Amino acid sequence: MYSANLTSLVTHFWDEEAKSFPLKLEDEIIQSALVTAGGEIRSELLKKHYESL
């Protein structure tokens, strides 16, 4: 099941022309799945956890 979900995610966002997986940070699905980007924590849940330490 995990592999099917991962395949669907990659297939949905894969740019066939550029042969790449661009991170469109404004996309709701990417925002929910992304943990870090550009050296910062993007996950709100993890941000709250590390801020409380």
N, C-alpha and C. Protein backbone atom coordinates (compact mmCIF):
# COMPACT_ATOMS: atom_id res chain seq x y z
N MET A 1 0.82 -1.19 0.00
CA MET A 1 0.00 0.00 0.00
C MET A 1 0.87 1.26 0.00
N TYR A 2 1.93 1.25 0.83
CA TYR A 2 2.81 2.41 0.89
C TYR A 2 3.43 2.69 -0.48
N SER A 3 3.88 1.64 -1.14
CA SER A 3 4.53 1.84 -2.44
C SER A 3 3.54 2.39 -3.47
N ALA A 4 2.30 1.98 -3.41
CA ALA A 4 1.28 2.50 -4.33
C ALA A 4 1.03 3.98 -4.07
N ASN A 5 0.98 4.37 -2.80
CA ASN A 5 0.78 5.77 -2.46
C ASN A 5 1.97 6.62 -2.90
N LEU A 6 3.16 6.12 -2.68
CA LEU A 6 4.36 6.85 -3.08
C LEU A 6 4.44 6.97 -4.59
N THR A 7 4.11 5.91 -5.29
CA THR A 7 4.10 5.94 -6.76
C THR A 7 3.09 6.96 -7.26
N SER A 8 1.93 7.00 -6.65
CA SER A 8 0.90 7.98 -7.06
C SER A 8 1.37 9.41 -6.83
N LEU A 9 2.03 9.64 -5.71
CA LEU A 9 2.54 10.98 -5.40
C LEU A 9 3.58 11.41 -6.43
N VAL A 10 4.54 10.56 -6.68
CA VAL A 10 5.61 10.90 -7.64
C VAL A 10 5.03 11.07 -9.04
N THR A 11 4.15 10.18 -9.45
CA THR A 11 3.54 10.27 -10.78
C THR A 11 2.75 11.56 -10.95
N HIS A 12 2.04 11.96 -9.91
CA HIS A 12 1.21 13.17 -9.97
C HIS A 12 2.05 14.42 -10.18
N PHE A 13 3.20 14.50 -9.53
CA PHE A 13 4.02 15.71 -9.59
C PHE A 13 5.19 15.64 -10.56
N TRP A 14 5.45 14.50 -11.15
CA TRP A 14 6.59 14.33 -12.04
C TRP A 14 6.43 15.21 -13.28
N ASP A 15 7.47 15.98 -13.60
CA ASP A 15 7.48 16.81 -14.81
C ASP A 15 8.17 16.01 -15.90
N GLU A 16 7.38 15.47 -16.82
CA GLU A 16 7.89 14.58 -17.86
C GLU A 16 8.87 15.29 -18.78
N GLU A 17 8.59 16.55 -19.14
CA GLU A 17 9.48 17.29 -20.03
C GLU A 17 10.85 17.51 -19.40
N ALA A 18 10.87 17.96 -18.17
CA ALA A 18 12.13 18.28 -17.47
C ALA A 18 12.74 17.04 -16.83
N LYS A 19 11.99 15.94 -16.78
CA LYS A 19 12.45 14.71 -16.11
C LYS A 19 12.89 15.03 -14.67
N SER A 20 11.99 15.73 -13.96
CA SER A 20 12.31 16.11 -12.58
C SER A 20 11.06 16.11 -11.71
N PHE A 21 11.29 16.23 -10.43
CA PHE A 21 10.22 16.27 -9.43
C PHE A 21 10.30 17.64 -8.75
N PRO A 22 9.68 18.64 -9.36
CA PRO A 22 9.78 19.99 -8.78
C PRO A 22 8.96 20.11 -7.49
N LEU A 23 9.52 20.78 -6.50
CA LEU A 23 8.80 21.00 -5.25
C LEU A 23 8.03 22.32 -5.36
N LYS A 24 6.76 22.22 -5.63
CA LYS A 24 5.90 23.40 -5.70
C LYS A 24 5.38 23.64 -4.29
N LEU A 25 6.08 24.47 -3.54
CA LEU A 25 5.80 24.65 -2.12
C LEU A 25 4.41 25.22 -1.85
N GLU A 26 3.79 25.81 -2.86
CA GLU A 26 2.44 26.35 -2.67
C GLU A 26 1.35 25.28 -2.78
N ASP A 27 1.72 24.10 -3.27
CA ASP A 27 0.75 23.02 -3.43
C ASP A 27 0.40 22.41 -2.07
N GLU A 28 -0.88 22.22 -1.83
CA GLU A 28 -1.38 21.71 -0.55
C GLU A 28 -0.86 20.31 -0.23
N ILE A 29 -0.77 19.46 -1.24
CA ILE A 29 -0.29 18.10 -1.02
C ILE A 29 1.19 18.13 -0.64
N ILE A 30 1.98 18.90 -1.36
CA ILE A 30 3.41 19.02 -1.06
C ILE A 30 3.59 19.61 0.34
N GLN A 31 2.82 20.63 0.69
CA GLN A 31 2.92 21.23 2.02
C GLN A 31 2.67 20.21 3.12
N SER A 32 1.72 19.31 2.91
CA SER A 32 1.39 18.31 3.92
C SER A 32 2.44 17.21 4.01
N ALA A 33 3.09 16.90 2.91
CA ALA A 33 4.03 15.78 2.88
C ALA A 33 5.47 16.19 3.19
N LEU A 34 5.78 17.46 2.99
CA LEU A 34 7.16 17.93 3.12
C LEU A 34 7.54 18.12 4.58
N VAL A 35 8.68 17.60 4.96
CA VAL A 35 9.17 17.74 6.33
C VAL A 35 10.15 18.91 6.40
N THR A 36 11.15 18.93 5.51
CA THR A 36 12.12 20.02 5.47
C THR A 36 12.33 20.48 4.04
N ALA A 37 12.77 21.73 3.89
CA ALA A 37 13.14 22.27 2.59
C ALA A 37 14.00 23.51 2.82
N GLY A 38 15.07 23.62 2.06
CA GLY A 38 15.91 24.80 2.15
C GLY A 38 16.51 25.01 3.54
N GLY A 39 16.75 23.92 4.24
CA GLY A 39 17.36 24.01 5.55
C GLY A 39 16.43 24.39 6.68
N GLU A 40 15.13 24.45 6.41
CA GLU A 40 14.18 24.77 7.47
C GLU A 40 13.11 23.69 7.59
N ILE A 41 12.59 23.55 8.78
CA ILE A 41 11.52 22.59 9.02
C ILE A 41 10.22 23.17 8.47
N ARG A 42 9.57 22.44 7.59
CA ARG A 42 8.32 22.90 6.96
C ARG A 42 7.09 22.35 7.66
N SER A 43 7.24 21.23 8.35
CA SER A 43 6.12 20.60 9.03
C SER A 43 5.75 21.39 10.28
N GLU A 44 4.51 21.83 10.37
CA GLU A 44 4.07 22.60 11.53
C GLU A 44 4.14 21.78 12.81
N LEU A 45 3.82 20.51 12.70
CA LEU A 45 3.87 19.61 13.86
C LEU A 45 5.30 19.52 14.41
N LEU A 46 6.26 19.34 13.52
CA LEU A 46 7.65 19.25 13.97
C LEU A 46 8.17 20.59 14.47
N LYS A 47 7.76 21.68 13.83
CA LYS A 47 8.18 23.01 14.31
C LYS A 47 7.75 23.22 15.75
N LYS A 48 6.51 22.89 16.04
CA LYS A 48 6.00 23.05 17.41
C LYS A 48 6.77 22.17 18.37
N HIS A 49 7.07 20.97 17.95
CA HIS A 49 7.81 20.05 18.83
C HIS A 49 9.20 20.60 19.16
N TYR A 50 9.94 21.03 18.14
CA TYR A 50 11.31 21.50 18.38
C TYR A 50 11.35 22.86 19.06
N GLU A 51 10.33 23.67 18.88
CA GLU A 51 10.27 24.96 19.59
C GLU A 51 10.04 24.77 21.08
N SER A 52 9.39 23.67 21.44
CA SER A 52 9.09 23.43 22.85
C SER A 52 10.27 22.83 23.63
N LEU A 53 11.33 22.46 22.93
CA LEU A 53 12.49 21.84 23.60
C LEU A 53 13.35 22.89 24.27
